[in-house]
């Protein structure tokens, strides 16, 4: 032992002792090839999950864009001067969203009761009032739409929002 670190009253037998050497630090690296396979498998699984999440995010881009456009339309529904014009924009938005979600052959020709039935079948929240307003807003002149109340317009926008958020296309 170092003489300077030993107290003066230490017996001579203890002064001759040396410190025990410490073992080498334990390595955190895997010691067998099996752990390397597990690590590679976990990395591959994480990459596959990240790819699936990214793919799902990209596939639902049309949904996010439709919801953003619907938010702009909803802002116009509160103003009496722009309500009629905003109402005419909801039906084409829902149709474009449906066309983005499924094949053109399946959706493009639908109109009237068949279109409403399709929207309801794909988890739509369109009741009789909002469904009728969705249909007539597309074909009614703007001056006739001025009679639509703010509550009716908001109800239609909520039904459209619910459909855009929750619709599921049958394969």
N, C-alpha and C. Protein backbone atom coordinates (compact mmCIF):
# COMPACT_ATOMS: atom_id res chain seq x y z
N UNK A 1 0.84 -1.19 0.00
CA UNK A 1 0.00 0.00 0.00
C UNK A 1 0.87 1.24 0.00
N UNK A 2 0.33 2.29 -0.41
CA UNK A 2 1.03 3.56 -0.43
C UNK A 2 1.15 4.04 1.02
N UNK A 3 2.33 4.31 1.44
CA UNK A 3 2.60 4.67 2.83
C UNK A 3 1.94 5.98 3.22
N UNK A 4 1.74 6.84 2.28
CA UNK A 4 1.15 8.14 2.61
C UNK A 4 -0.34 8.02 2.90
N UNK A 5 -0.98 6.96 2.42
CA UNK A 5 -2.41 6.78 2.63
C UNK A 5 -2.73 5.93 3.85
N UNK A 6 -1.71 5.34 4.44
CA UNK A 6 -1.92 4.45 5.59
C UNK A 6 -1.85 5.27 6.86
N UNK A 7 -2.87 5.17 7.70
CA UNK A 7 -2.80 5.89 8.97
C UNK A 7 -1.63 5.40 9.82
N UNK A 8 -1.14 6.23 10.69
CA UNK A 8 0.04 5.93 11.49
C UNK A 8 -0.20 4.80 12.49
N UNK A 9 -1.41 4.64 12.98
CA UNK A 9 -1.67 3.61 14.00
C UNK A 9 -2.06 2.26 13.41
N UNK A 10 -1.86 2.02 12.10
CA UNK A 10 -2.18 0.76 11.45
C UNK A 10 -1.11 -0.26 11.79
N UNK A 11 -1.54 -1.49 12.17
CA UNK A 11 -0.55 -2.53 12.50
C UNK A 11 0.31 -2.87 11.27
N UNK A 12 1.52 -3.37 11.52
CA UNK A 12 2.48 -3.68 10.45
C UNK A 12 1.95 -4.77 9.54
N UNK A 13 1.16 -5.72 10.05
CA UNK A 13 0.64 -6.81 9.23
C UNK A 13 -0.35 -6.29 8.19
N UNK A 14 -1.08 -5.27 8.55
CA UNK A 14 -2.04 -4.71 7.62
C UNK A 14 -1.39 -3.76 6.62
N UNK A 15 -0.26 -3.19 6.98
CA UNK A 15 0.40 -2.26 6.09
C UNK A 15 0.99 -2.97 4.87
N UNK A 16 1.23 -4.27 4.94
CA UNK A 16 1.81 -5.01 3.83
C UNK A 16 0.75 -5.46 2.81
N UNK A 17 -0.51 -5.28 3.12
CA UNK A 17 -1.57 -5.71 2.21
C UNK A 17 -1.66 -4.80 0.99
N UNK A 18 -2.08 -5.38 -0.14
CA UNK A 18 -2.29 -4.63 -1.38
C UNK A 18 -3.77 -4.72 -1.76
N UNK A 19 -4.24 -3.74 -2.51
CA UNK A 19 -5.64 -3.76 -2.97
C UNK A 19 -5.84 -4.85 -3.99
N UNK A 20 -7.03 -5.44 -3.98
CA UNK A 20 -7.36 -6.47 -4.95
C UNK A 20 -7.60 -5.81 -6.31
N UNK A 21 -7.13 -6.44 -7.39
CA UNK A 21 -7.39 -5.86 -8.71
C UNK A 21 -8.87 -6.05 -9.09
N UNK A 22 -9.43 -5.05 -9.70
CA UNK A 22 -10.84 -5.12 -10.12
C UNK A 22 -10.93 -5.88 -11.44
N UNK A 23 -12.02 -6.63 -11.62
CA UNK A 23 -12.17 -7.35 -12.89
C UNK A 23 -12.46 -6.35 -14.02
N UNK A 24 -12.27 -6.80 -15.23
CA UNK A 24 -12.56 -5.95 -16.40
C UNK A 24 -14.06 -5.67 -16.44
N UNK A 25 -14.45 -4.52 -16.92
CA UNK A 25 -15.89 -4.21 -16.98
C UNK A 25 -16.61 -5.19 -17.91
N UNK A 26 -17.86 -5.46 -17.57
CA UNK A 26 -18.66 -6.39 -18.35
C UNK A 26 -19.07 -5.72 -19.65
N UNK A 27 -18.92 -6.44 -20.74
CA UNK A 27 -19.28 -5.91 -22.05
C UNK A 27 -20.79 -6.00 -22.25
N UNK A 28 -21.34 -4.97 -22.86
CA UNK A 28 -22.78 -4.98 -23.16
C UNK A 28 -23.05 -5.58 -24.54
N UNK A 29 -22.02 -5.90 -25.27
CA UNK A 29 -22.20 -6.50 -26.59
C UNK A 29 -22.65 -7.96 -26.42
N UNK A 30 -23.54 -8.42 -27.30
CA UNK A 30 -23.98 -9.82 -27.20
C UNK A 30 -22.81 -10.78 -27.39
N UNK A 31 -22.80 -11.85 -26.63
CA UNK A 31 -21.69 -12.79 -26.67
C UNK A 31 -21.93 -13.96 -27.62
N UNK A 32 -23.20 -14.16 -28.05
CA UNK A 32 -23.48 -15.28 -28.94
C UNK A 32 -24.13 -14.76 -30.22
N UNK A 33 -24.07 -15.59 -31.26
CA UNK A 33 -24.61 -15.20 -32.57
C UNK A 33 -26.13 -15.12 -32.53
N UNK A 34 -26.77 -15.86 -31.64
CA UNK A 34 -28.23 -15.85 -31.54
C UNK A 34 -28.77 -14.46 -31.22
N UNK A 35 -28.07 -13.75 -30.36
CA UNK A 35 -28.52 -12.39 -30.02
C UNK A 35 -28.39 -11.45 -31.20
N UNK A 36 -27.41 -11.69 -32.05
CA UNK A 36 -27.28 -10.87 -33.26
C UNK A 36 -28.47 -11.11 -34.19
N UNK A 37 -28.90 -12.39 -34.30
CA UNK A 37 -30.08 -12.68 -35.12
C UNK A 37 -31.32 -12.01 -34.55
N UNK A 38 -31.43 -12.04 -33.24
CA UNK A 38 -32.58 -11.39 -32.59
C UNK A 38 -32.54 -9.88 -32.85
N UNK A 39 -31.37 -9.28 -32.75
CA UNK A 39 -31.24 -7.84 -33.00
C UNK A 39 -31.60 -7.50 -34.44
N UNK A 40 -31.13 -8.30 -35.40
CA UNK A 40 -31.45 -8.06 -36.81
C UNK A 40 -32.94 -8.22 -37.03
N UNK A 41 -33.52 -9.23 -36.42
CA UNK A 41 -34.96 -9.46 -36.55
C UNK A 41 -35.76 -8.29 -35.97
N UNK A 42 -35.35 -7.78 -34.82
CA UNK A 42 -36.05 -6.64 -34.22
C UNK A 42 -35.93 -5.38 -35.06
N UNK A 43 -34.76 -5.16 -35.63
CA UNK A 43 -34.58 -3.99 -36.50
C UNK A 43 -35.45 -4.13 -37.74
N UNK A 44 -35.48 -5.32 -38.32
CA UNK A 44 -36.32 -5.53 -39.51
C UNK A 44 -37.80 -5.35 -39.17
N UNK A 45 -38.21 -5.85 -38.02
CA UNK A 45 -39.60 -5.69 -37.59
C UNK A 45 -39.94 -4.21 -37.37
N UNK A 46 -39.04 -3.47 -36.76
CA UNK A 46 -39.27 -2.04 -36.54
C UNK A 46 -39.36 -1.29 -37.87
N UNK A 47 -38.50 -1.63 -38.82
CA UNK A 47 -38.56 -0.99 -40.14
C UNK A 47 -39.85 -1.34 -40.87
N UNK A 48 -40.29 -2.58 -40.76
CA UNK A 48 -41.55 -2.98 -41.41
C UNK A 48 -42.74 -2.24 -40.79
N UNK A 49 -42.74 -2.12 -39.48
CA UNK A 49 -43.83 -1.37 -38.81
C UNK A 49 -43.80 0.10 -39.21
N UNK A 50 -42.62 0.68 -39.28
CA UNK A 50 -42.52 2.09 -39.69
C UNK A 50 -43.00 2.26 -41.12
N UNK A 51 -42.66 1.33 -42.00
CA UNK A 51 -43.12 1.41 -43.39
C UNK A 51 -44.64 1.29 -43.47
N UNK A 52 -45.23 0.39 -42.69
CA UNK A 52 -46.69 0.23 -42.71
C UNK A 52 -47.40 1.48 -42.18
N UNK A 53 -46.84 2.07 -41.13
CA UNK A 53 -47.42 3.31 -40.59
C UNK A 53 -47.31 4.42 -41.62
N UNK A 54 -46.18 4.56 -42.27
CA UNK A 54 -46.00 5.59 -43.29
C UNK A 54 -46.95 5.36 -44.46
N UNK A 55 -47.09 4.11 -44.87
CA UNK A 55 -47.99 3.80 -45.99
C UNK A 55 -49.44 4.13 -45.65
N UNK A 56 -49.85 3.82 -44.43
CA UNK A 56 -51.21 4.14 -44.01
C UNK A 56 -51.40 5.66 -43.96
N UNK A 57 -50.40 6.36 -43.47
CA UNK A 57 -50.46 7.82 -43.42
C UNK A 57 -50.59 8.40 -44.82
N UNK A 58 -49.82 7.89 -45.76
CA UNK A 58 -49.89 8.38 -47.13
C UNK A 58 -51.22 8.03 -47.80
N UNK A 59 -51.75 6.84 -47.50
CA UNK A 59 -53.01 6.43 -48.11
C UNK A 59 -54.18 7.25 -47.61
N UNK A 60 -54.06 7.85 -46.43
CA UNK A 60 -55.16 8.65 -45.90
C UNK A 60 -54.94 10.14 -46.13
N UNK A 61 -54.04 10.49 -47.02
CA UNK A 61 -53.80 11.90 -47.33
C UNK A 61 -55.07 12.56 -47.87
N UNK A 62 -55.79 11.84 -48.74
CA UNK A 62 -57.02 12.39 -49.31
C UNK A 62 -58.01 12.77 -48.20
N UNK A 63 -58.02 11.99 -47.13
CA UNK A 63 -58.93 12.24 -46.01
C UNK A 63 -58.54 13.54 -45.30
N UNK A 64 -57.25 13.72 -45.05
CA UNK A 64 -56.78 14.95 -44.39
C UNK A 64 -57.05 16.18 -45.24
N UNK A 65 -56.82 16.05 -46.55
CA UNK A 65 -57.06 17.19 -47.44
C UNK A 65 -58.55 17.52 -47.51
N UNK A 66 -59.39 16.50 -47.54
CA UNK A 66 -60.84 16.74 -47.56
C UNK A 66 -61.30 17.40 -46.27
N UNK A 67 -60.76 16.97 -45.14
CA UNK A 67 -61.15 17.59 -43.87
C UNK A 67 -60.69 19.05 -43.79
N UNK A 68 -59.53 19.34 -44.35
CA UNK A 68 -59.06 20.73 -44.37
C UNK A 68 -59.97 21.59 -45.25
N UNK A 69 -60.37 21.05 -46.40
CA UNK A 69 -61.27 21.81 -47.27
C UNK A 69 -62.64 21.98 -46.61
N UNK A 70 -63.11 20.95 -45.94
CA UNK A 70 -64.39 21.06 -45.24
C UNK A 70 -64.32 22.11 -44.13
N UNK A 71 -63.21 22.23 -43.48
CA UNK A 71 -63.05 23.27 -42.44
C UNK A 71 -63.17 24.67 -43.06
N UNK A 72 -62.60 24.84 -44.25
CA UNK A 72 -62.73 26.15 -44.93
C UNK A 72 -64.20 26.41 -45.31
N UNK A 73 -64.89 25.36 -45.74
CA UNK A 73 -66.30 25.51 -46.11
C UNK A 73 -67.13 25.82 -44.87
N UNK A 74 -66.85 25.14 -43.76
CA UNK A 74 -67.61 25.37 -42.52
C UNK A 74 -67.47 26.80 -42.03
N UNK A 75 -66.32 27.40 -42.26
CA UNK A 75 -66.14 28.79 -41.85
C UNK A 75 -67.08 29.71 -42.62
N UNK A 76 -67.42 29.34 -43.84
CA UNK A 76 -68.33 30.16 -44.66
C UNK A 76 -69.80 29.91 -44.33
N UNK A 77 -70.09 28.80 -43.65
CA UNK A 77 -71.49 28.47 -43.36
C UNK A 77 -72.10 29.40 -42.31
N UNK A 78 -71.30 30.03 -41.49
CA UNK A 78 -71.83 30.91 -40.44
C UNK A 78 -72.27 32.26 -40.96
N UNK A 79 -71.78 32.64 -42.12
CA UNK A 79 -72.12 33.93 -42.70
C UNK A 79 -73.30 33.75 -43.65
N UNK A 80 -74.36 34.54 -43.45
CA UNK A 80 -75.55 34.43 -44.29
C UNK A 80 -75.25 34.72 -45.76
N UNK A 81 -74.28 35.58 -46.02
CA UNK A 81 -73.97 35.96 -47.40
C UNK A 81 -73.25 34.85 -48.15
N UNK A 82 -72.49 34.04 -47.46
CA UNK A 82 -71.70 33.00 -48.15
C UNK A 82 -72.23 31.59 -47.91
N UNK A 83 -73.29 31.45 -47.13
CA UNK A 83 -73.80 30.12 -46.78
C UNK A 83 -74.24 29.34 -48.02
N UNK A 84 -74.98 29.98 -48.91
CA UNK A 84 -75.50 29.27 -50.08
C UNK A 84 -74.36 28.75 -50.95
N UNK A 85 -73.36 29.56 -51.18
CA UNK A 85 -72.22 29.13 -51.99
C UNK A 85 -71.44 28.01 -51.30
N UNK A 86 -71.33 28.09 -49.99
CA UNK A 86 -70.62 27.05 -49.24
C UNK A 86 -71.38 25.73 -49.28
N UNK A 87 -72.70 25.80 -49.21
CA UNK A 87 -73.51 24.58 -49.26
C UNK A 87 -73.32 23.83 -50.58
N UNK A 88 -73.15 24.55 -51.65
CA UNK A 88 -72.98 23.90 -52.96
C UNK A 88 -71.62 23.21 -53.08
N UNK A 89 -70.70 23.53 -52.20
CA UNK A 89 -69.36 22.94 -52.26
C UNK A 89 -69.25 21.62 -51.49
N UNK A 90 -70.21 21.33 -50.61
CA UNK A 90 -70.10 20.15 -49.76
C UNK A 90 -70.30 18.86 -50.56
N UNK A 91 -71.33 18.80 -51.39
CA UNK A 91 -71.60 17.58 -52.15
C UNK A 91 -70.44 17.20 -53.09
N UNK A 92 -69.88 18.15 -53.86
CA UNK A 92 -68.72 17.77 -54.68
C UNK A 92 -67.51 17.32 -53.86
N UNK A 93 -67.34 17.90 -52.69
CA UNK A 93 -66.25 17.49 -51.82
C UNK A 93 -66.43 16.04 -51.38
N UNK A 94 -67.64 15.68 -50.97
CA UNK A 94 -67.91 14.31 -50.55
C UNK A 94 -67.72 13.36 -51.73
N UNK A 95 -68.16 13.75 -52.90
CA UNK A 95 -68.01 12.90 -54.10
C UNK A 95 -66.53 12.72 -54.45
N UNK A 96 -65.75 13.79 -54.42
CA UNK A 96 -64.32 13.69 -54.71
C UNK A 96 -63.61 12.79 -53.69
N UNK A 97 -64.04 12.90 -52.44
CA UNK A 97 -63.45 12.06 -51.40
C UNK A 97 -63.77 10.59 -51.66
N UNK A 98 -65.00 10.31 -52.03
CA UNK A 98 -65.38 8.93 -52.34
C UNK A 98 -64.62 8.42 -53.55
N UNK A 99 -64.42 9.26 -54.54
CA UNK A 99 -63.66 8.85 -55.73
C UNK A 99 -62.19 8.58 -55.40
N UNK A 100 -61.66 9.33 -54.44
CA UNK A 100 -60.28 9.09 -54.03
C UNK A 100 -60.14 7.80 -53.23
N UNK A 101 -61.22 7.41 -52.57
CA UNK A 101 -61.16 6.24 -51.70
C UNK A 101 -61.45 4.94 -52.42
N UNK A 102 -62.17 4.98 -53.51
CA UNK A 102 -62.57 3.75 -54.19
C UNK A 102 -62.48 3.94 -55.70
N UNK A 103 -62.87 2.94 -56.41
CA UNK A 103 -62.75 3.00 -57.88
C UNK A 103 -63.80 3.93 -58.48
N UNK A 104 -63.44 4.54 -59.56
CA UNK A 104 -64.32 5.48 -60.27
C UNK A 104 -65.56 4.76 -60.77
N UNK A 105 -65.43 3.53 -61.26
CA UNK A 105 -66.57 2.79 -61.79
C UNK A 105 -67.63 2.54 -60.73
N UNK A 106 -67.21 2.45 -59.50
CA UNK A 106 -68.13 2.12 -58.42
C UNK A 106 -68.91 3.33 -57.92
N UNK A 107 -68.33 4.52 -58.01
CA UNK A 107 -68.91 5.69 -57.36
C UNK A 107 -69.38 6.77 -58.33
N UNK A 108 -68.70 6.95 -59.42
CA UNK A 108 -68.93 8.11 -60.29
C UNK A 108 -70.37 8.21 -60.78
N UNK A 109 -70.99 7.11 -61.10
CA UNK A 109 -72.34 7.15 -61.68
C UNK A 109 -73.44 7.25 -60.63
N UNK A 110 -73.11 7.13 -59.37
CA UNK A 110 -74.13 7.17 -58.32
C UNK A 110 -74.68 8.58 -58.14
N UNK A 111 -75.99 8.66 -57.98
CA UNK A 111 -76.64 9.94 -57.69
C UNK A 111 -77.96 9.65 -56.99
N UNK A 112 -78.52 10.69 -56.39
CA UNK A 112 -79.83 10.58 -55.75
C UNK A 112 -79.84 9.57 -54.63
N UNK A 113 -80.86 8.71 -54.63
CA UNK A 113 -81.05 7.74 -53.57
C UNK A 113 -79.92 6.71 -53.54
N UNK A 114 -79.41 6.32 -54.70
CA UNK A 114 -78.31 5.35 -54.75
C UNK A 114 -77.04 5.93 -54.12
N UNK A 115 -76.79 7.21 -54.36
CA UNK A 115 -75.62 7.88 -53.77
C UNK A 115 -75.77 7.95 -52.26
N UNK A 116 -76.95 8.32 -51.79
CA UNK A 116 -77.19 8.38 -50.35
C UNK A 116 -77.08 7.00 -49.72
N UNK A 117 -77.58 5.98 -50.40
CA UNK A 117 -77.47 4.62 -49.88
C UNK A 117 -76.00 4.20 -49.78
N UNK A 118 -75.21 4.57 -50.77
CA UNK A 118 -73.78 4.26 -50.73
C UNK A 118 -73.12 4.96 -49.54
N UNK A 119 -73.44 6.22 -49.33
CA UNK A 119 -72.85 6.96 -48.21
C UNK A 119 -73.23 6.33 -46.88
N UNK A 120 -74.47 5.93 -46.74
CA UNK A 120 -74.91 5.29 -45.49
C UNK A 120 -74.25 3.93 -45.32
N UNK A 121 -74.09 3.20 -46.41
CA UNK A 121 -73.50 1.87 -46.35
C UNK A 121 -72.03 1.92 -45.95
N UNK A 122 -71.35 2.99 -46.31
CA UNK A 122 -69.93 3.13 -45.98
C UNK A 122 -69.74 3.96 -44.71
N UNK A 123 -70.62 3.74 -43.76
CA UNK A 123 -70.56 4.35 -42.42
C UNK A 123 -70.83 5.85 -42.42
N UNK A 124 -71.73 6.27 -43.25
CA UNK A 124 -72.11 7.68 -43.28
C UNK A 124 -73.11 8.02 -42.20
N UNK A 125 -73.10 9.26 -41.77
CA UNK A 125 -74.02 9.73 -40.74
C UNK A 125 -75.10 10.61 -41.34
N UNK A 126 -75.40 10.42 -42.60
CA UNK A 126 -76.39 11.25 -43.27
C UNK A 126 -77.79 10.72 -42.95
N UNK A 127 -78.56 11.52 -42.22
CA UNK A 127 -79.95 11.17 -41.97
C UNK A 127 -80.80 11.70 -43.13
N UNK A 128 -82.12 11.61 -43.01
CA UNK A 128 -82.98 12.04 -44.11
C UNK A 128 -82.83 13.53 -44.41
N UNK A 129 -82.74 14.34 -43.36
CA UNK A 129 -82.64 15.80 -43.55
C UNK A 129 -81.32 16.19 -44.20
N UNK A 130 -80.21 15.71 -43.63
CA UNK A 130 -78.91 16.09 -44.19
C UNK A 130 -78.69 15.44 -45.56
N UNK A 131 -79.22 14.24 -45.77
CA UNK A 131 -79.11 13.59 -47.07
C UNK A 131 -79.86 14.35 -48.14
N UNK A 132 -81.08 14.79 -47.81
CA UNK A 132 -81.86 15.57 -48.78
C UNK A 132 -81.18 16.90 -49.08
N UNK A 133 -80.63 17.53 -48.05
CA UNK A 133 -79.95 18.81 -48.26
C UNK A 133 -78.67 18.61 -49.08
N UNK A 134 -77.96 17.52 -48.86
CA UNK A 134 -76.77 17.23 -49.65
C UNK A 134 -77.13 17.08 -51.13
N UNK A 135 -78.21 16.39 -51.39
CA UNK A 135 -78.64 16.16 -52.76
C UNK A 135 -79.14 17.45 -53.41
N UNK A 136 -79.99 18.18 -52.72
CA UNK A 136 -80.58 19.37 -53.34
C UNK A 136 -79.60 20.54 -53.42
N UNK A 137 -78.62 20.60 -52.54
CA UNK A 137 -77.65 21.71 -52.58
C UNK A 137 -76.83 21.68 -53.86
N UNK A 138 -76.70 20.52 -54.43
CA UNK A 138 -75.91 20.42 -55.67
C UNK A 138 -76.65 20.99 -56.86
N UNK A 139 -77.99 20.92 -56.84
CA UNK A 139 -78.77 21.26 -58.04
C UNK A 139 -79.67 22.47 -57.87
N UNK A 140 -79.81 22.94 -56.65
CA UNK A 140 -80.69 24.07 -56.39
C UNK A 140 -79.94 25.38 -56.63
N UNK A 141 -80.57 26.35 -57.22
CA UNK A 141 -79.92 27.66 -57.39
C UNK A 141 -79.60 28.29 -56.03
N UNK A 142 -78.58 29.14 -56.02
CA UNK A 142 -78.12 29.74 -54.78
C UNK A 142 -79.22 30.54 -54.07
N UNK A 143 -80.10 31.20 -54.83
CA UNK A 143 -81.13 32.01 -54.18
C UNK A 143 -82.12 31.13 -53.41
N UNK A 144 -82.32 29.89 -53.81
CA UNK A 144 -83.19 28.99 -53.05
C UNK A 144 -82.51 28.48 -51.78
N UNK A 145 -81.19 28.43 -51.80
CA UNK A 145 -80.45 27.94 -50.64
C UNK A 145 -80.34 28.97 -49.52
N UNK A 146 -80.74 30.19 -49.78
CA UNK A 146 -80.68 31.21 -48.72
C UNK A 146 -81.67 30.92 -47.61
N UNK A 147 -82.65 30.05 -47.87
CA UNK A 147 -83.62 29.69 -46.83
C UNK A 147 -83.08 28.64 -45.86
N UNK A 148 -81.95 28.05 -46.17
CA UNK A 148 -81.35 27.05 -45.30
C UNK A 148 -80.79 27.75 -44.06
N UNK A 149 -81.17 27.25 -42.90
CA UNK A 149 -80.72 27.89 -41.66
C UNK A 149 -79.28 27.49 -41.34
N UNK A 150 -78.70 28.22 -40.43
CA UNK A 150 -77.34 27.94 -40.00
C UNK A 150 -77.26 26.55 -39.36
N UNK A 151 -78.29 26.18 -38.58
CA UNK A 151 -78.29 24.87 -37.93
C UNK A 151 -78.35 23.73 -38.96
N UNK A 152 -79.19 23.90 -39.99
CA UNK A 152 -79.28 22.87 -41.03
C UNK A 152 -77.95 22.74 -41.77
N UNK A 153 -77.34 23.87 -42.06
CA UNK A 153 -76.06 23.85 -42.77
C UNK A 153 -74.98 23.20 -41.89
N UNK A 154 -74.96 23.51 -40.61
CA UNK A 154 -73.98 22.91 -39.70
C UNK A 154 -74.22 21.41 -39.56
N UNK A 155 -75.49 21.01 -39.55
CA UNK A 155 -75.83 19.59 -39.45
C UNK A 155 -75.31 18.84 -40.69
N UNK A 156 -75.47 19.42 -41.86
CA UNK A 156 -74.95 18.81 -43.08
C UNK A 156 -73.42 18.73 -43.03
N UNK A 157 -72.77 19.78 -42.58
CA UNK A 157 -71.31 19.79 -42.49
C UNK A 157 -70.82 18.75 -41.49
N UNK A 158 -71.54 18.59 -40.38
CA UNK A 158 -71.16 17.57 -39.40
C UNK A 158 -71.31 16.16 -39.97
N UNK A 159 -72.39 15.94 -40.72
CA UNK A 159 -72.59 14.63 -41.35
C UNK A 159 -71.48 14.36 -42.37
N UNK A 160 -71.13 15.38 -43.14
CA UNK A 160 -70.05 15.22 -44.12
C UNK A 160 -68.72 14.95 -43.42
N UNK A 161 -68.46 15.66 -42.34
CA UNK A 161 -67.22 15.45 -41.57
C UNK A 161 -67.18 14.04 -41.00
N UNK A 162 -68.31 13.58 -40.46
CA UNK A 162 -68.36 12.23 -39.89
C UNK A 162 -68.08 11.19 -40.97
N UNK A 163 -68.65 11.39 -42.16
CA UNK A 163 -68.42 10.41 -43.22
C UNK A 163 -66.96 10.43 -43.67
N UNK A 164 -66.40 11.60 -43.83
CA UNK A 164 -65.00 11.69 -44.29
C UNK A 164 -64.07 11.04 -43.26
N UNK A 165 -64.33 11.26 -41.99
CA UNK A 165 -63.46 10.70 -40.95
C UNK A 165 -63.61 9.20 -40.80
N UNK A 166 -64.82 8.66 -40.97
CA UNK A 166 -65.07 7.26 -40.61
C UNK A 166 -65.39 6.33 -41.75
N UNK A 167 -65.48 6.80 -42.98
CA UNK A 167 -65.92 5.90 -44.05
C UNK A 167 -64.93 4.76 -44.26
N UNK A 168 -65.49 3.62 -44.60
CA UNK A 168 -64.72 2.42 -44.90
C UNK A 168 -65.18 1.90 -46.24
N UNK A 169 -64.26 1.66 -47.11
CA UNK A 169 -64.60 1.19 -48.44
C UNK A 169 -64.59 -0.34 -48.40
N UNK A 170 -65.67 -0.93 -48.89
CA UNK A 170 -65.73 -2.38 -48.97
C UNK A 170 -64.91 -2.86 -50.14
N UNK A 171 -64.21 -3.94 -49.94
CA UNK A 171 -63.35 -4.48 -50.99
C UNK A 171 -64.10 -5.51 -51.78
